[in-house]
Amino acid sequence: MILEVVVLAIKPGSTAEFESAFAKARLIIASMPGCLRNELQKCVETPNRYILFVHWRSLEDHMVGFRESPQFKQWRALLGGYFDGAPLVEHYTEIKG
């Protein structure tokens, strides 16, 4: 399993609209093959910063299956206008034991 971690800075004054748009965008990610679950968290200290966690079955499910799909373009169209700079995207694997 791969954990995608995305740090999102949202334009000041547009967090409510972003959260509403994300409710729709979340369904797009959830419908993708290999997406196990997703979760959005809002920063307490910096209210226009969010972290998105997406659990994928594999890195390829994210980077090819989602990022190269028409659904990614829909996702980006819903949310991209709210970003205050490029999102930071990293992938993690669990250390067992």
N, C-alpha and C. Protein backbone atom coordinates (compact mmCIF):
# COMPACT_ATOMS: atom_id res chain seq x y z
N MET A 1 0.84 -1.18 0.00
CA MET A 1 0.00 0.00 0.00
C MET A 1 0.89 1.25 0.00
N ILE A 2 0.42 2.28 -0.66
CA ILE A 2 1.10 3.57 -0.75
C ILE A 2 0.21 4.64 -0.13
N LEU A 3 0.81 5.47 0.70
CA LEU A 3 0.09 6.61 1.26
C LEU A 3 0.57 7.86 0.53
N GLU A 4 -0.34 8.50 -0.17
CA GLU A 4 -0.07 9.78 -0.81
C GLU A 4 -0.41 10.86 0.20
N VAL A 5 0.54 11.77 0.44
CA VAL A 5 0.34 12.88 1.36
C VAL A 5 0.48 14.17 0.54
N VAL A 6 -0.56 14.99 0.57
CA VAL A 6 -0.57 16.22 -0.21
C VAL A 6 -0.80 17.40 0.74
N VAL A 7 0.12 18.35 0.74
CA VAL A 7 -0.04 19.57 1.52
C VAL A 7 -0.60 20.63 0.57
N LEU A 8 -1.76 21.16 0.94
CA LEU A 8 -2.46 22.13 0.10
C LEU A 8 -2.56 23.47 0.82
N ALA A 9 -2.05 24.50 0.18
CA ALA A 9 -2.27 25.87 0.66
C ALA A 9 -3.43 26.43 -0.17
N ILE A 10 -4.45 26.93 0.51
CA ILE A 10 -5.65 27.42 -0.15
C ILE A 10 -5.68 28.95 -0.05
N LYS A 11 -6.10 29.59 -1.11
CA LYS A 11 -6.15 31.05 -1.13
C LYS A 11 -6.98 31.56 0.04
N PRO A 12 -6.46 32.55 0.76
CA PRO A 12 -7.20 33.12 1.89
C PRO A 12 -8.59 33.57 1.47
N GLY A 13 -9.56 33.29 2.33
CA GLY A 13 -10.92 33.69 2.07
C GLY A 13 -11.73 32.72 1.22
N SER A 14 -11.10 31.63 0.79
CA SER A 14 -11.84 30.69 -0.08
C SER A 14 -11.90 29.28 0.50
N THR A 15 -11.63 29.14 1.80
CA THR A 15 -11.60 27.80 2.38
C THR A 15 -12.99 27.13 2.40
N ALA A 16 -14.04 27.88 2.65
CA ALA A 16 -15.38 27.29 2.66
C ALA A 16 -15.75 26.76 1.28
N GLU A 17 -15.44 27.54 0.25
CA GLU A 17 -15.72 27.11 -1.11
C GLU A 17 -14.86 25.90 -1.49
N PHE A 18 -13.59 25.91 -1.06
CA PHE A 18 -12.71 24.77 -1.31
C PHE A 18 -13.28 23.50 -0.67
N GLU A 19 -13.69 23.60 0.57
CA GLU A 19 -14.22 22.42 1.27
C GLU A 19 -15.48 21.89 0.58
N SER A 20 -16.31 22.77 0.08
CA SER A 20 -17.50 22.35 -0.65
C SER A 20 -17.11 21.65 -1.96
N ALA A 21 -16.16 22.21 -2.68
CA ALA A 21 -15.69 21.60 -3.92
C ALA A 21 -15.01 20.27 -3.64
N PHE A 22 -14.28 20.18 -2.52
CA PHE A 22 -13.60 18.93 -2.20
C PHE A 22 -14.60 17.81 -1.93
N ALA A 23 -15.76 18.13 -1.39
CA ALA A 23 -16.77 17.10 -1.16
C ALA A 23 -17.14 16.40 -2.46
N LYS A 24 -17.13 17.13 -3.58
CA LYS A 24 -17.37 16.53 -4.90
C LYS A 24 -16.12 15.84 -5.42
N ALA A 25 -14.96 16.48 -5.26
CA ALA A 25 -13.70 15.93 -5.77
C ALA A 25 -13.34 14.63 -5.06
N ARG A 26 -13.69 14.53 -3.79
CA ARG A 26 -13.41 13.31 -3.01
C ARG A 26 -14.05 12.09 -3.66
N LEU A 27 -15.24 12.26 -4.22
CA LEU A 27 -15.95 11.16 -4.86
C LEU A 27 -15.23 10.69 -6.12
N ILE A 28 -14.57 11.61 -6.80
CA ILE A 28 -13.81 11.25 -8.00
C ILE A 28 -12.65 10.34 -7.61
N ILE A 29 -11.88 10.74 -6.60
CA ILE A 29 -10.74 9.92 -6.16
C ILE A 29 -11.24 8.57 -5.67
N ALA A 30 -12.28 8.58 -4.87
CA ALA A 30 -12.79 7.34 -4.28
C ALA A 30 -13.24 6.34 -5.34
N SER A 31 -13.64 6.83 -6.51
CA SER A 31 -14.13 5.94 -7.56
C SER A 31 -13.00 5.31 -8.38
N MET A 32 -11.77 5.74 -8.16
CA MET A 32 -10.66 5.27 -8.99
C MET A 32 -10.19 3.88 -8.56
N PRO A 33 -9.89 3.02 -9.53
CA PRO A 33 -9.33 1.71 -9.19
C PRO A 33 -8.04 1.88 -8.37
N GLY A 34 -7.93 1.13 -7.31
CA GLY A 34 -6.74 1.19 -6.47
C GLY A 34 -6.81 2.18 -5.33
N CYS A 35 -7.82 3.06 -5.33
CA CYS A 35 -7.97 3.98 -4.20
C CYS A 35 -8.68 3.25 -3.08
N LEU A 36 -8.02 3.18 -1.94
CA LEU A 36 -8.58 2.46 -0.80
C LEU A 36 -9.38 3.39 0.11
N ARG A 37 -8.90 4.62 0.30
CA ARG A 37 -9.64 5.62 1.07
C ARG A 37 -8.92 6.95 0.98
N ASN A 38 -9.63 8.03 1.32
CA ASN A 38 -9.01 9.37 1.34
C ASN A 38 -9.58 10.16 2.49
N GLU A 39 -8.79 11.11 2.94
CA GLU A 39 -9.14 11.89 4.13
C GLU A 39 -8.51 13.27 4.01
N LEU A 40 -9.28 14.30 4.29
CA LEU A 40 -8.79 15.67 4.27
C LEU A 40 -8.78 16.21 5.68
N GLN A 41 -7.66 16.82 6.08
CA GLN A 41 -7.52 17.42 7.41
C GLN A 41 -7.19 18.91 7.25
N LYS A 42 -7.77 19.73 8.11
CA LYS A 42 -7.51 21.17 8.10
C LYS A 42 -6.57 21.51 9.25
N CYS A 43 -5.59 22.35 8.98
CA CYS A 43 -4.62 22.76 10.00
C CYS A 43 -5.28 23.71 11.00
N VAL A 44 -5.04 23.47 12.26
CA VAL A 44 -5.60 24.31 13.33
C VAL A 44 -4.87 25.66 13.37
N GLU A 45 -3.55 25.62 13.30
CA GLU A 45 -2.75 26.85 13.43
C GLU A 45 -2.76 27.71 12.16
N THR A 46 -2.87 27.08 11.00
CA THR A 46 -2.87 27.80 9.72
C THR A 46 -4.13 27.40 8.97
N PRO A 47 -5.23 28.13 9.15
CA PRO A 47 -6.54 27.68 8.67
C PRO A 47 -6.68 27.53 7.16
N ASN A 48 -5.75 28.07 6.38
CA ASN A 48 -5.85 27.87 4.93
C ASN A 48 -4.91 26.76 4.44
N ARG A 49 -4.40 25.94 5.37
CA ARG A 49 -3.55 24.80 5.00
C ARG A 49 -4.30 23.50 5.32
N TYR A 50 -4.23 22.58 4.38
CA TYR A 50 -4.88 21.28 4.50
C TYR A 50 -3.88 20.19 4.16
N ILE A 51 -4.14 19.00 4.68
CA ILE A 51 -3.38 17.82 4.28
C ILE A 51 -4.39 16.78 3.79
N LEU A 52 -4.10 16.27 2.60
CA LEU A 52 -4.92 15.21 2.01
C LEU A 52 -4.14 13.91 2.10
N PHE A 53 -4.75 12.89 2.65
CA PHE A 53 -4.18 11.55 2.71
C PHE A 53 -4.98 10.66 1.78
N VAL A 54 -4.30 10.01 0.85
CA VAL A 54 -4.98 9.05 -0.03
C VAL A 54 -4.21 7.74 0.04
N HIS A 55 -4.90 6.70 0.41
CA HIS A 55 -4.31 5.36 0.45
C HIS A 55 -4.57 4.68 -0.89
N TRP A 56 -3.48 4.30 -1.55
CA TRP A 56 -3.55 3.64 -2.85
C TRP A 56 -3.02 2.22 -2.72
N ARG A 57 -3.54 1.33 -3.53
CA ARG A 57 -3.04 -0.04 -3.56
C ARG A 57 -1.59 -0.08 -4.04
N SER A 58 -1.26 0.80 -5.03
CA SER A 58 0.11 0.86 -5.56
C SER A 58 0.41 2.28 -6.03
N LEU A 59 1.68 2.57 -6.20
CA LEU A 59 2.10 3.87 -6.72
C LEU A 59 1.56 4.06 -8.14
N GLU A 60 1.56 2.99 -8.92
CA GLU A 60 1.06 3.06 -10.29
C GLU A 60 -0.43 3.42 -10.33
N ASP A 61 -1.20 2.91 -9.35
CA ASP A 61 -2.62 3.27 -9.31
C ASP A 61 -2.80 4.78 -9.21
N HIS A 62 -1.91 5.44 -8.49
CA HIS A 62 -2.00 6.90 -8.38
C HIS A 62 -1.40 7.59 -9.59
N MET A 63 -0.13 7.29 -9.86
CA MET A 63 0.61 8.06 -10.86
C MET A 63 0.17 7.81 -12.31
N VAL A 64 -0.30 6.61 -12.59
CA VAL A 64 -0.76 6.30 -13.94
C VAL A 64 -2.28 6.24 -13.98
N GLY A 65 -2.86 5.38 -13.13
CA GLY A 65 -4.30 5.17 -13.16
C GLY A 65 -5.10 6.43 -12.90
N PHE A 66 -4.66 7.25 -11.95
CA PHE A 66 -5.40 8.48 -11.65
C PHE A 66 -4.82 9.69 -12.36
N ARG A 67 -3.54 9.94 -12.22
CA ARG A 67 -2.94 11.17 -12.76
C ARG A 67 -3.02 11.27 -14.28
N GLU A 68 -3.11 10.14 -14.96
CA GLU A 68 -3.19 10.17 -16.42
C GLU A 68 -4.61 9.94 -16.93
N SER A 69 -5.58 10.07 -16.04
CA SER A 69 -6.97 9.79 -16.41
C SER A 69 -7.75 11.08 -16.66
N PRO A 70 -8.88 10.97 -17.36
CA PRO A 70 -9.78 12.13 -17.50
C PRO A 70 -10.34 12.57 -16.15
N GLN A 71 -10.46 11.64 -15.21
CA GLN A 71 -10.98 11.99 -13.88
C GLN A 71 -10.04 12.95 -13.15
N PHE A 72 -8.74 12.82 -13.38
CA PHE A 72 -7.80 13.75 -12.75
C PHE A 72 -8.05 15.17 -13.25
N LYS A 73 -8.33 15.30 -14.54
CA LYS A 73 -8.62 16.63 -15.08
C LYS A 73 -9.88 17.22 -14.44
N GLN A 74 -10.88 16.38 -14.21
CA GLN A 74 -12.10 16.83 -13.53
C GLN A 74 -11.78 17.26 -12.09
N TRP A 75 -10.99 16.44 -11.39
CA TRP A 75 -10.59 16.73 -10.02
C TRP A 75 -9.86 18.06 -9.95
N ARG A 76 -8.91 18.23 -10.86
CA ARG A 76 -8.11 19.46 -10.89
C ARG A 76 -8.96 20.68 -11.23
N ALA A 77 -9.93 20.51 -12.13
CA ALA A 77 -10.81 21.62 -12.49
C ALA A 77 -11.67 22.05 -11.30
N LEU A 78 -12.08 21.11 -10.47
CA LEU A 78 -12.88 21.44 -9.29
C LEU A 78 -12.07 22.18 -8.24
N LEU A 79 -10.78 21.82 -8.08
CA LEU A 79 -10.00 22.33 -6.95
C LEU A 79 -8.88 23.30 -7.30
N GLY A 80 -8.34 23.20 -8.49
CA GLY A 80 -7.14 23.95 -8.85
C GLY A 80 -7.23 25.45 -8.64
N GLY A 81 -8.39 26.03 -8.85
CA GLY A 81 -8.54 27.47 -8.69
C GLY A 81 -8.42 27.95 -7.25
N TYR A 82 -8.49 27.04 -6.30
CA TYR A 82 -8.38 27.39 -4.88
C TYR A 82 -6.95 27.31 -4.35
N PHE A 83 -6.05 26.68 -5.11
CA PHE A 83 -4.68 26.48 -4.63
C PHE A 83 -3.91 27.79 -4.61
N ASP A 84 -3.18 28.01 -3.53
CA ASP A 84 -2.30 29.16 -3.38
C ASP A 84 -0.87 28.63 -3.53
N GLY A 85 -0.50 28.31 -4.75
CA GLY A 85 0.79 27.67 -5.02
C GLY A 85 0.58 26.20 -5.30
N ALA A 86 1.63 25.58 -5.81
CA ALA A 86 1.56 24.17 -6.18
C ALA A 86 1.49 23.29 -4.93
N PRO A 87 0.63 22.27 -4.94
CA PRO A 87 0.58 21.33 -3.81
C PRO A 87 1.89 20.55 -3.70
N LEU A 88 2.26 20.21 -2.48
CA LEU A 88 3.41 19.33 -2.23
C LEU A 88 2.86 17.92 -2.14
N VAL A 89 3.33 17.03 -3.03
CA VAL A 89 2.84 15.64 -3.07
C VAL A 89 4.01 14.71 -2.82
N GLU A 90 3.82 13.83 -1.84
CA GLU A 90 4.83 12.80 -1.53
C GLU A 90 4.13 11.47 -1.30
N HIS A 91 4.88 10.40 -1.48
CA HIS A 91 4.35 9.05 -1.31
C HIS A 91 5.14 8.33 -0.22
N TYR A 92 4.44 7.56 0.59
CA TYR A 92 5.04 6.87 1.73
C TYR A 92 4.64 5.41 1.73
N THR A 93 5.53 4.58 2.28
CA THR A 93 5.21 3.18 2.52
C THR A 93 5.38 2.90 3.99
N GLU A 94 4.59 1.97 4.50
CA GLU A 94 4.61 1.65 5.92
C GLU A 94 5.84 0.82 6.27
N ILE A 95 6.45 1.13 7.40
CA ILE A 95 7.55 0.33 7.94
C ILE A 95 6.95 -0.62 8.94
N LYS A 96 7.08 -1.88 8.69
CA LYS A 96 6.47 -2.89 9.57
C LYS A 96 7.48 -3.32 10.62
N GLY A 97 6.93 -3.67 11.80
CA GLY A 97 7.79 -4.20 12.87
C GLY A 97 8.25 -3.11 13.75
